[in-house]
Amino acid sequence: MNVRGALVASLALAVSGVPGCKRDIAATSIVYARGADSESLDPQGVDDGESAKVIENVFDGLVEFGPGSTEIVPDLAERWEATEGGLLWTFHLRAGVKFHDGTPLDAEAVVFTYRRFLDEKGPHVPPKAPYRSFYADPIASVEAKDPLTVVFRLKRPYAPFLSNLAMFCAGVVSPEAVKRLGGEGFGRNPVGTGPFRFSSWNFGEKKITLVRNEAYWRGPPPVEKAVFVTIPDNNARLSALRAGTCNWMDGLNAEDLEGCRKDPALRVWTGPAPNVGYLAMNTLRKPFDDARVRRAVSLAIDRRKIVDALYFGSGTPAVHPMPPGMLGYDESAPVPAQDRERAKALLAEAGFPSGFDTVLFAMSNPRPYFPSPQKIAQVLKSDLEAVGIRATIDTVGDWPLYREAVQNAKHPMCLLGWTGDNGDPDNFLFTFFSEESAKVGTGALSASFWVDPRMQDLLRRGQAETDPAKRAGIYREALALVREEVPMVPISHMEQVFVSTRGFDGFFVQPTGDVNLLTVRAVAAE
């Protein structure tokens, strides 16, 4: 039994052994309130956190992250080995695992899943595959050696390979379901091997219902049902939690955190900040193709003021486009100071002595890195106006429309952020600055669309280097280049915060930001 399997078993025993607890506690439900609906439930077809929250509970991968950590542990693969200097990876699958539709999990299903990344124009690829480059770039081939053995051959040594296999987007899909439903249809009716089965998606109410997988290979989870509901307003979401309309939520206003901690009816779950919220400048549009303008924007912004005023102790000002503690993070670099006079001088040098007009896209719903994005946008607007940059704030629409607009480079400037998928610096820097991530209209992960040959070289070297000390040095060079060219302004890192009603246990705040409900149990009193 693996780590998570042991946890499920121990939690079930704990429920039965708690005096005064209901014996039928496994029949309880989680009603999880969030600020926006999912875009799709196809793991290979999305990159947004709202989709990942649900996907993580429907699908398993070859490997996964351990509870509360980024340690790689077995999942659908019981074991694996790397040979030929890390170019050949062999994974041995568990026997007897089935998808929710009753079809068997075998090596061919794993090959089918990864071919959806590798075959860009294949018949079963999703409408968009934003993480494609994380797999298609390093993987030369994937083959089924026998029904329970999968072999990957890499094009070159690739340090993040195993961590990338643990990401939510690498969830193994049912080939039969994908073939039957098509790429778009599968995203609305997902079929995996995970602890919860998809039941329904009410698009009008923006409500997704999952039910317990009674045949789950680890044993069924303690909770019978998980319902994801959308309540865009942070205050309304907290009111619903207190009223009992839901019993879990995220996207808490930072100013409400202390009150929730003191509320005897609520439980607050927190964890480290594996994220960054940033202001991106679209370098495909003038005047943001000029590094002097971008530096002026950075110098106009007071990061400390934003965090002190709006994060209430749950955030820290950002120095780099990845959080502290990651390999290669440069602790010697200070938080950039606001310097309005220098910003004005740079604008004049770039040909804008009187400043210019622009548009700032700012999402309306909370994100893990921006608890109150509209308030943050107002502070940024004020800072920019003080140096002559007159920004109009545009909310664009709901979260899916916002993401689509940014991926299609319709923004001059935008607020966005990233929660790390695997604890590796490549997951931040390749996402933000690789040529592969900057392809307009293809689910682009870059919001700056900045492609610099020097950065491309550093990213490739970082991926290929397996010595941690040498790899850290490469990423420090990359961070220095970002500080020089300023394609984005890192603003903040925010502590992960979840709130539930009292009586729940077994939830692990993942450093990757995943919301995994497998081991959550209710311990309500009579």
Protein backbone atom coordinates (compact mmCIF):
# COMPACT_ATOMS: atom_id res chain seq x y z
CA MET A 1 0.00 0.00 0.00
CA ASN A 2 1.46 3.42 -0.94
CA VAL A 3 1.51 6.60 1.14
CA ARG A 4 -1.93 7.86 0.15
CA GLY A 5 -3.49 4.42 0.38
CA ALA A 6 -2.22 4.06 3.93
CA LEU A 7 -3.66 7.46 4.79
CA VAL A 8 -7.11 6.55 3.47
CA ALA A 9 -7.12 3.36 5.52
CA SER A 10 -5.93 5.08 8.70
CA LEU A 11 -8.51 7.86 8.33
CA ALA A 12 -11.32 5.34 7.94
CA LEU A 13 -10.22 3.63 11.15
CA ALA A 14 -9.96 6.99 12.88
CA VAL A 15 -13.56 7.85 11.99
CA SER A 16 -14.90 4.61 13.41
CA GLY A 17 -12.86 5.08 16.58
CA VAL A 18 -13.81 8.67 17.46
CA PRO A 19 -16.26 8.71 20.39
CA GLY A 20 -19.50 10.51 19.60
CA CYS A 21 -18.93 10.54 15.83
CA LYS A 22 -21.47 9.38 13.33
CA ARG A 23 -20.89 5.85 12.09
CA ASP A 24 -22.14 6.78 8.59
CA ILE A 25 -19.72 9.71 8.32
CA ALA A 26 -18.39 8.42 4.98
CA ALA A 27 -21.75 9.38 3.43
CA THR A 28 -21.11 13.11 3.93
CA SER A 29 -20.44 15.55 1.11
CA ILE A 30 -18.01 18.35 0.44
CA VAL A 31 -19.54 21.45 -1.15
CA TYR A 32 -16.52 23.44 -2.30
CA ALA A 33 -17.11 27.10 -3.21
CA ARG A 34 -14.70 28.93 -5.48
CA GLY A 35 -14.60 32.16 -7.44
CA ALA A 36 -14.91 30.82 -11.00
CA ASP A 37 -16.03 27.76 -12.92
CA SER A 38 -13.68 25.31 -14.63
CA GLU A 39 -12.85 25.78 -18.30
CA SER A 40 -12.66 22.06 -19.11
CA LEU A 41 -12.06 18.81 -17.25
CA ASP A 42 -9.72 17.37 -19.87
CA PRO A 43 -6.33 17.23 -18.11
CA GLN A 44 -4.41 17.62 -21.35
CA GLY A 45 -6.60 20.52 -22.49
CA VAL A 46 -6.27 23.20 -19.78
CA ASP A 47 -3.81 25.07 -17.59
CA ASP A 48 -6.11 27.00 -15.25
CA GLY A 49 -6.31 26.31 -11.54
CA GLU A 50 -10.10 26.11 -11.41
CA SER A 51 -10.06 23.20 -13.83
CA ALA A 52 -7.14 21.55 -12.03
CA LYS A 53 -9.03 21.54 -8.70
CA VAL A 54 -11.57 19.14 -10.16
CA ILE A 55 -9.25 17.21 -12.49
CA GLU A 56 -6.95 16.26 -9.62
CA ASN A 57 -9.80 14.27 -8.06
CA VAL A 58 -10.95 12.47 -11.22
CA PHE A 59 -7.62 11.35 -12.67
CA ASP A 60 -4.46 9.56 -11.55
CA GLY A 61 -1.02 9.88 -13.12
CA LEU A 62 1.92 7.54 -13.40
CA VAL A 63 3.43 9.22 -10.33
CA GLU A 64 2.19 11.85 -7.90
CA PHE A 65 3.35 14.24 -5.20
CA GLY A 66 3.28 12.96 -1.64
CA PRO A 67 0.81 14.50 0.84
CA GLY A 68 1.86 18.06 1.64
CA SER A 69 5.11 17.79 -0.35
CA THR A 70 6.68 17.67 -3.81
CA GLU A 71 8.25 14.26 -3.17
CA ILE A 72 7.60 11.96 -6.11
CA VAL A 73 5.75 8.80 -5.02
CA PRO A 74 4.11 5.93 -6.96
CA ASP A 75 0.62 6.32 -8.38
CA LEU A 76 -0.53 4.21 -11.34
CA ALA A 77 3.08 3.13 -11.77
CA GLU A 78 4.24 0.92 -8.90
CA ARG A 79 7.89 1.46 -9.76
CA TRP A 80 10.18 2.82 -12.47
CA GLU A 81 13.81 2.97 -13.49
CA ALA A 82 15.95 5.23 -15.66
CA THR A 83 18.76 3.86 -17.84
CA GLU A 84 21.04 5.02 -20.65
CA GLY A 85 22.09 8.11 -18.70
CA GLY A 86 18.52 9.19 -18.02
CA LEU A 87 17.34 8.90 -21.63
CA LEU A 88 15.25 5.73 -21.19
CA TRP A 89 12.54 5.58 -18.53
CA THR A 90 10.57 2.38 -17.85
CA PHE A 91 7.37 2.42 -15.77
CA HIS A 92 5.67 -0.69 -14.38
CA LEU A 93 1.90 -0.30 -13.97
CA ARG A 94 -0.40 -1.66 -11.29
CA ALA A 95 -2.47 -4.63 -12.34
CA GLY A 96 -6.26 -4.63 -12.14
CA VAL A 97 -6.89 -0.86 -12.23
CA LYS A 98 -9.93 0.23 -14.24
CA PHE A 99 -11.22 3.51 -15.58
CA HIS A 100 -14.58 4.80 -14.40
CA ASP A 101 -16.17 3.44 -17.58
CA GLY A 102 -14.98 -0.09 -16.75
CA THR A 103 -12.21 -0.27 -19.36
CA PRO A 104 -8.78 -1.44 -18.15
CA LEU A 105 -5.87 0.81 -17.30
CA ASP A 106 -2.98 -0.57 -19.33
CA ALA A 107 0.15 0.56 -21.09
CA GLU A 108 -1.75 1.40 -24.28
CA ALA A 109 -3.91 3.86 -22.32
CA VAL A 110 -0.80 5.60 -21.01
CA VAL A 111 0.65 5.76 -24.52
CA PHE A 112 -2.66 7.15 -25.81
CA THR A 113 -2.62 9.85 -23.11
CA TYR A 114 0.89 11.07 -23.88
CA ARG A 115 0.34 10.90 -27.64
CA ARG A 116 -2.24 13.65 -27.06
CA PHE A 117 0.74 15.86 -26.19
CA LEU A 118 3.12 14.49 -28.81
CA ASP A 119 0.77 14.31 -31.82
CA GLU A 120 -0.13 17.95 -32.31
CA LYS A 121 -2.47 17.20 -35.19
CA GLY A 122 -3.58 13.73 -34.08
CA PRO A 123 -7.27 12.71 -34.16
CA HIS A 124 -7.67 12.65 -30.38
CA VAL A 125 -5.87 15.80 -29.26
CA PRO A 126 -7.83 18.35 -27.20
CA PRO A 127 -8.88 21.66 -28.81
CA LYS A 128 -5.87 23.24 -27.10
CA ALA A 129 -3.03 21.72 -25.10
CA PRO A 130 -1.24 24.49 -23.20
CA TYR A 131 1.22 22.12 -21.51
CA ARG A 132 2.19 20.37 -24.75
CA SER A 133 5.75 21.71 -24.80
CA PHE A 134 6.45 20.29 -21.32
CA TYR A 135 6.16 16.82 -22.86
CA ALA A 136 6.56 17.10 -26.63
CA ASP A 137 9.81 19.01 -26.27
CA PRO A 138 11.78 16.41 -24.24
CA ILE A 139 10.01 13.13 -25.19
CA ALA A 140 11.17 11.39 -28.36
CA SER A 141 8.81 8.42 -28.06
CA VAL A 142 6.49 6.53 -25.73
CA GLU A 143 5.70 2.86 -26.28
CA ALA A 144 3.92 -0.04 -24.61
CA LYS A 145 6.51 -2.75 -24.04
CA ASP A 146 3.82 -5.11 -22.72
CA PRO A 147 0.35 -4.59 -21.17
CA LEU A 148 1.78 -3.28 -17.90
CA THR A 149 5.07 -1.68 -19.00
CA VAL A 150 5.51 1.75 -20.58
CA VAL A 151 8.82 3.02 -21.97
CA PHE A 152 9.68 6.67 -22.60
CA ARG A 153 12.71 7.66 -24.63
CA LEU A 154 13.89 11.25 -24.17
CA LYS A 155 15.63 13.41 -26.75
CA ARG A 156 18.13 14.65 -24.18
CA PRO A 157 18.69 14.54 -20.42
CA TYR A 158 15.78 16.44 -18.88
CA ALA A 159 15.89 17.24 -15.17
CA PRO A 160 12.16 18.06 -14.64
CA PHE A 161 10.90 14.88 -16.37
CA LEU A 162 9.65 12.94 -13.35
CA SER A 163 8.16 16.04 -11.71
CA ASN A 164 6.29 16.87 -14.91
CA LEU A 165 4.74 13.38 -14.92
CA ALA A 166 3.22 14.16 -11.51
CA MET A 167 1.43 17.30 -12.71
CA PHE A 168 -2.37 17.33 -12.97
CA CYS A 169 -2.18 17.71 -16.76
CA ALA A 170 -0.52 14.27 -17.01
CA GLY A 171 -3.62 12.50 -15.69
CA VAL A 172 -4.18 9.26 -17.63
CA VAL A 173 -7.39 9.34 -19.68
CA SER A 174 -9.70 6.61 -20.88
CA PRO A 175 -8.96 6.09 -24.60
CA GLU A 176 -12.45 4.69 -25.20
CA ALA A 177 -14.10 7.76 -23.67
CA VAL A 178 -11.96 10.19 -25.65
CA LYS A 179 -12.66 8.35 -28.91
CA ARG A 180 -16.38 8.22 -28.17
CA LEU A 181 -16.81 11.82 -27.00
CA GLY A 182 -14.15 13.70 -28.95
CA GLY A 183 -11.71 16.22 -27.51
CA GLU A 184 -14.25 18.87 -26.54
CA GLY A 185 -16.87 16.38 -25.35
CA PHE A 186 -14.37 14.60 -23.13
CA GLY A 187 -13.64 17.88 -21.40
CA ARG A 188 -17.30 18.03 -20.41
CA ASN A 189 -17.57 14.33 -19.46
CA PRO A 190 -14.16 13.24 -18.13
CA VAL A 191 -13.27 9.60 -17.43
CA GLY A 192 -10.21 8.73 -15.36
CA THR A 193 -9.18 6.20 -12.70
CA GLY A 194 -9.24 8.63 -9.75
CA PRO A 195 -10.98 8.55 -6.35
CA PHE A 196 -14.04 10.45 -7.64
CA ARG A 197 -16.13 9.85 -10.75
CA PHE A 198 -17.63 12.67 -12.77
CA SER A 199 -21.40 12.88 -12.28
CA SER A 200 -22.66 16.15 -13.78
CA TRP A 201 -21.81 19.70 -14.81
CA ASN A 202 -24.63 22.24 -14.60
CA PHE A 203 -23.29 24.98 -16.85
CA GLY A 204 -26.06 27.44 -15.98
CA GLU A 205 -25.40 27.16 -12.25
CA LYS A 206 -21.67 26.59 -12.77
CA LYS A 207 -21.80 23.52 -10.56
CA ILE A 208 -19.77 20.32 -10.98
CA THR A 209 -20.67 17.16 -9.06
CA LEU A 210 -18.30 14.27 -8.44
CA VAL A 211 -19.26 11.05 -6.68
CA ARG A 212 -17.10 8.59 -4.80
CA ASN A 213 -15.45 5.89 -6.90
CA GLU A 214 -16.52 2.79 -4.96
CA ALA A 215 -14.13 0.65 -7.01
CA TYR A 216 -11.10 2.90 -6.51
CA TRP A 217 -7.94 0.82 -6.48
CA ARG A 218 -6.73 2.38 -3.22
CA GLY A 219 -10.14 1.91 -1.61
CA PRO A 220 -13.01 4.41 -1.81
CA PRO A 221 -12.42 7.85 -0.27
CA PRO A 222 -14.19 8.72 3.01
CA VAL A 223 -16.34 11.42 1.38
CA GLU A 224 -19.25 10.26 -0.76
CA LYS A 225 -19.67 13.35 -2.94
CA ALA A 226 -17.71 16.49 -3.89
CA VAL A 227 -19.65 19.39 -5.37
CA PHE A 228 -17.78 22.39 -6.79
CA VAL A 229 -19.93 25.54 -6.86
CA THR A 230 -19.09 29.00 -8.17
CA ILE A 231 -19.65 32.11 -6.05
CA PRO A 232 -17.67 34.95 -7.68
CA ASP A 233 -17.74 37.43 -4.80
CA ASN A 234 -15.38 36.73 -1.90
CA ASN A 235 -17.73 38.16 0.73
CA ALA A 236 -20.69 36.21 -0.60
CA ARG A 237 -18.63 33.03 -0.58
CA LEU A 238 -17.68 33.46 3.07
CA SER A 239 -21.30 34.26 3.95
CA ALA A 240 -22.38 31.05 2.23
CA LEU A 241 -19.82 29.10 4.26
CA ARG A 242 -21.07 30.57 7.52
CA ALA A 243 -24.68 29.98 6.50
CA GLY A 244 -24.01 26.33 5.66
CA THR A 245 -24.69 26.61 1.93
CA CYS A 246 -21.17 25.26 1.37
CA ASN A 247 -18.65 23.72 3.75
CA TRP A 248 -15.36 24.47 1.98
CA MET A 249 -14.05 27.53 0.18
CA ASP A 250 -10.98 29.27 -1.18
CA GLY A 251 -10.40 32.83 -2.36
CA LEU A 252 -10.78 34.38 1.08
CA ASN A 253 -10.34 38.13 1.43
CA ALA A 254 -7.03 38.58 3.21
CA GLU A 255 -8.66 40.93 5.72
CA ASP A 256 -11.05 38.13 6.75
CA LEU A 257 -8.33 35.61 7.57
CA GLU A 258 -7.89 36.50 11.22
CA GLY A 259 -11.64 36.56 11.81
CA CYS A 260 -11.97 33.08 10.34
CA ARG A 261 -9.18 31.80 12.55
CA LYS A 262 -11.08 33.06 15.61
CA ASP A 263 -14.47 31.69 14.48
CA PRO A 264 -15.15 28.45 16.43
CA ALA A 265 -17.37 27.18 13.61
CA LEU A 266 -14.59 27.37 11.00
CA ARG A 267 -11.23 25.77 10.34
CA VAL A 268 -8.48 27.53 8.40
CA TRP A 269 -5.95 25.49 6.41
CA THR A 270 -2.81 27.30 5.26
CA GLY A 271 0.38 26.43 3.47
CA PRO A 272 3.44 28.02 1.84
CA ALA A 273 3.14 30.24 -1.21
CA PRO A 274 4.20 28.31 -4.35
CA ASN A 275 2.90 31.14 -6.51
CA VAL A 276 3.57 34.56 -7.96
CA GLY A 277 1.16 37.31 -8.98
CA TYR A 278 2.51 39.67 -11.62
CA LEU A 279 1.84 42.50 -14.04
CA ALA A 280 2.69 41.39 -17.58
CA MET A 281 3.42 43.74 -20.47
CA ASN A 282 2.64 42.48 -23.95
CA THR A 283 5.95 42.89 -25.75
CA LEU A 284 4.23 42.30 -29.09
CA ARG A 285 2.54 45.70 -28.68
CA LYS A 286 4.08 49.16 -28.63
CA PRO A 287 5.30 50.76 -26.45
CA PHE A 288 6.00 47.61 -24.40
CA ASP A 289 8.41 46.30 -27.01
CA ASP A 290 10.82 48.88 -25.56
CA ALA A 291 12.69 47.66 -22.46
CA ARG A 292 12.99 51.27 -21.22
CA VAL A 293 9.20 51.52 -21.00
CA ARG A 294 9.00 48.20 -19.20
CA ARG A 295 11.66 49.31 -16.70
CA ALA A 296 9.70 52.51 -16.12
CA VAL A 297 6.58 50.50 -15.30
CA SER A 298 8.54 48.43 -12.81
CA LEU A 299 10.01 51.53 -11.14
CA ALA A 300 6.56 53.11 -10.87
CA ILE A 301 5.17 50.28 -8.72
CA ASP A 302 5.46 50.01 -4.95
CA ARG A 303 5.19 46.29 -4.27
CA ARG A 304 5.52 46.65 -0.49
CA LYS A 305 2.64 49.10 -0.38
CA ILE A 306 0.36 46.68 -2.23
CA VAL A 307 1.20 43.76 0.05
CA ASP A 308 1.01 45.80 3.25
CA ALA A 309 -2.35 47.33 2.31
CA LEU A 310 -4.15 44.37 0.76
CA TYR A 311 -2.64 41.09 2.00
CA PHE A 312 -3.02 41.51 5.78
CA GLY A 313 0.02 39.45 6.63
CA SER A 314 -0.70 36.61 4.20
CA GLY A 315 1.61 37.76 1.41
CA THR A 316 5.14 38.92 0.67
CA PRO A 317 6.47 41.34 -2.00
CA ALA A 318 7.91 39.51 -4.99
CA VAL A 319 11.47 39.97 -6.22
CA HIS A 320 11.58 37.27 -8.87
CA PRO A 321 9.02 35.51 -11.10
CA MET A 322 9.24 32.44 -8.87
CA PRO A 323 8.78 32.07 -5.10
CA PRO A 324 11.54 31.96 -2.48
CA GLY A 325 12.99 28.56 -1.65
CA MET A 326 13.12 27.29 -5.22
CA LEU A 327 16.36 26.06 -6.74
CA GLY A 328 18.25 29.05 -8.13
CA TYR A 329 16.31 31.73 -6.24
CA ASP A 330 18.65 34.70 -5.73
CA GLU A 331 18.32 35.77 -2.10
CA SER A 332 20.81 38.61 -2.60
CA ALA A 333 18.49 40.59 -4.88
CA PRO A 334 16.38 43.13 -2.93
CA VAL A 335 12.73 43.98 -3.47
CA PRO A 336 12.88 46.60 -6.26
CA ALA A 337 12.27 50.06 -4.84
CA GLN A 338 9.82 52.54 -6.30
CA ASP A 339 11.59 55.40 -8.12
CA ARG A 340 9.17 57.71 -9.90
CA GLU A 341 11.76 60.21 -11.11
CA ARG A 342 13.84 57.51 -12.75
CA ALA A 343 10.65 56.06 -14.29
CA LYS A 344 9.75 59.44 -15.82
CA ALA A 345 13.28 59.84 -17.17
CA LEU A 346 13.14 56.42 -18.84
CA LEU A 347 9.78 57.24 -20.42
CA ALA A 348 11.17 60.51 -21.78
CA GLU A 349 14.20 58.67 -23.13
CA ALA A 350 11.86 56.21 -24.88
CA GLY A 351 9.96 59.10 -26.51
CA PHE A 352 7.12 59.54 -24.02
CA PRO A 353 7.92 62.70 -22.03
CA SER A 354 4.21 63.18 -21.32
CA GLY A 355 3.53 59.50 -20.72
CA PHE A 356 0.91 57.55 -22.68
CA ASP A 357 -2.53 55.95 -22.44
CA THR A 358 -2.96 52.19 -22.12
CA VAL A 359 -5.29 49.47 -20.88
CA LEU A 360 -4.75 47.19 -17.90
CA PHE A 361 -6.62 43.89 -17.92
CA ALA A 362 -7.56 42.83 -14.37
CA MET A 363 -9.59 39.72 -13.58
CA SER A 364 -12.76 40.13 -11.53
CA ASN A 365 -12.50 36.89 -9.55
CA PRO A 366 -9.94 36.14 -6.81
CA ARG A 367 -6.90 34.04 -7.58
CA PRO A 368 -4.49 32.22 -5.23
CA TYR A 369 -1.92 34.97 -5.82
CA PHE A 370 -4.31 37.96 -5.96
CA PRO A 371 -6.99 37.88 -3.23
CA SER A 372 -8.55 41.16 -4.40
CA PRO A 373 -7.45 41.74 -8.01
CA GLN A 374 -9.65 44.78 -8.63
CA LYS A 375 -8.28 46.55 -5.57
CA ILE A 376 -4.75 45.68 -6.63
CA ALA A 377 -5.49 47.04 -10.11
CA GLN A 378 -6.62 50.34 -8.61
CA VAL A 379 -3.37 50.70 -6.66
CA LEU A 380 -1.37 49.90 -9.80
CA LYS A 381 -3.40 52.40 -11.79
CA SER A 382 -2.55 55.10 -9.24
CA ASP A 383 1.15 54.23 -9.22
CA LEU A 384 1.34 54.24 -13.02
CA GLU A 385 -0.57 57.51 -13.33
CA ALA A 386 1.96 59.19 -11.02
CA VAL A 387 4.65 58.72 -13.71
CA GLY A 388 2.41 59.58 -16.66
CA ILE A 389 1.09 56.15 -17.67
CA ARG A 390 -2.69 56.55 -17.80
CA ALA A 391 -4.27 53.09 -17.57
CA THR A 392 -7.91 52.17 -18.03
CA ILE A 393 -8.89 49.00 -16.16
CA ASP A 394 -10.76 46.36 -18.17
CA THR A 395 -12.17 43.23 -16.48
CA VAL A 396 -12.83 41.66 -19.93
CA GLY A 397 -15.37 39.11 -18.66
CA ASP A 398 -15.47 35.97 -16.56
CA TRP A 399 -12.32 33.92 -15.94
CA PRO A 400 -12.44 31.77 -19.13
CA LEU A 401 -12.96 34.87 -21.31
CA TYR A 402 -10.16 36.65 -19.48
CA ARG A 403 -7.75 33.77 -20.05
CA GLU A 404 -8.73 33.51 -23.71
CA ALA A 405 -8.13 37.21 -24.27
CA VAL A 406 -4.68 37.06 -22.68
CA GLN A 407 -3.71 33.89 -24.55
CA ASN A 408 -4.60 35.68 -27.77
CA ALA A 409 -2.43 38.68 -26.81
CA LYS A 410 -5.31 41.14 -26.77
CA HIS A 411 -3.98 42.94 -23.71
CA PRO A 412 -1.47 45.79 -23.57
CA MET A 413 -0.94 45.04 -19.85
CA CYS A 414 -2.56 42.42 -17.65
CA LEU A 415 -2.65 40.99 -14.18
CA LEU A 416 -1.98 37.28 -14.03
CA GLY A 417 -0.12 34.77 -11.93
CA TRP A 418 1.03 31.20 -11.63
CA THR A 419 0.90 28.50 -9.01
CA GLY A 420 3.75 26.05 -9.44
CA ASP A 421 2.79 22.59 -10.66
CA ASN A 422 5.78 20.59 -9.48
CA GLY A 423 8.19 22.54 -7.25
CA ASP A 424 10.75 22.95 -10.05
CA PRO A 425 12.03 26.35 -11.27
CA ASP A 426 11.58 25.24 -14.86
CA ASN A 427 7.84 25.18 -14.24
CA PHE A 428 7.93 28.93 -13.65
CA LEU A 429 10.64 30.18 -15.98
CA PHE A 430 9.89 27.93 -18.98
CA THR A 431 6.20 28.73 -18.58
CA PHE A 432 6.80 32.47 -18.59
CA PHE A 433 9.66 32.92 -21.02
CA SER A 434 10.05 30.00 -23.44
CA GLU A 435 9.42 30.35 -27.15
CA GLU A 436 7.01 27.41 -26.93
CA SER A 437 4.88 29.22 -24.32
CA ALA A 438 4.62 32.40 -26.41
CA LYS A 439 2.64 31.13 -29.38
CA VAL A 440 -0.41 33.36 -29.71
CA GLY A 441 -3.78 31.65 -29.81
CA THR A 442 -2.59 28.15 -28.92
CA GLY A 443 -3.24 28.22 -25.19
CA ALA A 444 -0.16 30.39 -24.66
CA LEU A 445 1.19 30.26 -21.10
CA SER A 446 3.29 33.40 -21.51
CA ALA A 447 1.48 36.70 -20.95
CA SER A 448 4.41 38.89 -21.98
CA PHE A 449 5.19 37.02 -25.23
CA TRP A 450 8.81 37.98 -24.62
CA VAL A 451 11.25 35.68 -26.45
CA ASP A 452 14.94 36.38 -25.99
CA PRO A 453 17.60 34.04 -27.46
CA ARG A 454 19.69 34.41 -24.31
CA MET A 455 16.80 33.18 -22.18
CA GLN A 456 16.07 30.28 -24.54
CA ASP A 457 19.66 29.10 -24.12
CA LEU A 458 19.47 29.37 -20.34
CA LEU A 459 16.18 27.46 -20.21
CA ARG A 460 17.60 24.60 -22.33
CA ARG A 461 20.72 24.41 -20.23
CA GLY A 462 18.66 24.39 -17.04
CA GLN A 463 16.55 21.51 -18.27
CA ALA A 464 19.56 19.46 -19.34
CA GLU A 465 21.69 20.03 -16.22
CA THR A 466 21.24 17.37 -13.53
CA ASP A 467 23.78 18.74 -11.02
CA PRO A 468 21.69 20.88 -8.59
CA ALA A 469 24.46 23.41 -7.87
CA LYS A 470 25.21 24.01 -11.55
CA ARG A 471 21.50 24.12 -12.34
CA ALA A 472 20.93 26.74 -9.62
CA GLY A 473 23.63 28.91 -11.18
CA ILE A 474 21.90 28.76 -14.57
CA TYR A 475 18.59 29.88 -13.09
CA ARG A 476 20.24 32.75 -11.20
CA GLU A 477 21.53 33.95 -14.59
CA ALA A 478 18.01 33.68 -15.97
CA LEU A 479 16.58 35.73 -13.09
CA ALA A 480 19.22 38.42 -13.65
CA LEU A 481 18.19 38.63 -17.31
CA VAL A 482 14.54 39.08 -16.29
CA ARG A 483 15.53 41.92 -13.95
CA GLU A 484 17.37 43.55 -16.84
CA GLU A 485 14.68 43.18 -19.53
CA VAL A 486 11.56 43.33 -17.28
CA PRO A 487 8.96 41.53 -19.45
CA MET A 488 6.85 41.30 -16.28
CA VAL A 489 6.73 42.94 -12.87
CA PRO A 490 6.52 40.29 -10.11
CA ILE A 491 4.25 41.76 -7.43
CA SER A 492 3.51 39.25 -4.70
CA HIS A 493 3.52 35.74 -3.32
CA MET A 494 0.51 34.75 -1.26
CA GLU A 495 0.09 32.08 1.38
CA GLN A 496 -2.35 29.35 0.37
CA VAL A 497 -5.57 29.64 2.36
CA PHE A 498 -8.55 27.28 2.47
CA VAL A 499 -11.45 27.50 4.92
CA SER A 500 -13.88 24.75 5.91
CA THR A 501 -16.51 24.32 8.54
CA ARG A 502 -15.36 22.54 11.69
CA GLY A 503 -15.45 18.75 11.66
CA PHE A 504 -13.21 17.99 8.70
CA ASP A 505 -9.78 16.40 8.86
CA GLY A 506 -7.26 14.77 6.53
CA PHE A 507 -6.72 17.66 4.11
CA PHE A 508 -3.16 18.40 3.00
CA VAL A 509 -2.22 21.83 1.64
CA GLN A 510 -0.05 20.92 -1.32
CA PRO A 511 2.98 23.04 -2.26
CA THR A 512 1.75 22.69 -5.85
CA GLY A 513 -1.62 24.26 -5.07
CA ASP A 514 -3.53 21.06 -5.90
CA VAL A 515 -6.85 20.45 -4.16
CA ASN A 516 -6.81 16.71 -3.45
CA LEU A 517 -9.86 15.47 -1.55
CA LEU A 518 -8.93 11.78 -1.44
CA THR A 519 -8.06 11.68 2.27
CA VAL A 520 -10.52 14.29 3.56
CA ARG A 521 -12.95 12.95 6.14
CA ALA A 522 -15.73 14.44 8.20
CA VAL A 523 -15.78 13.98 11.99
CA ALA A 524 -19.06 15.66 12.92
CA ALA A 525 -20.43 15.33 16.45
CA GLU A 526 -23.85 13.87 17.16
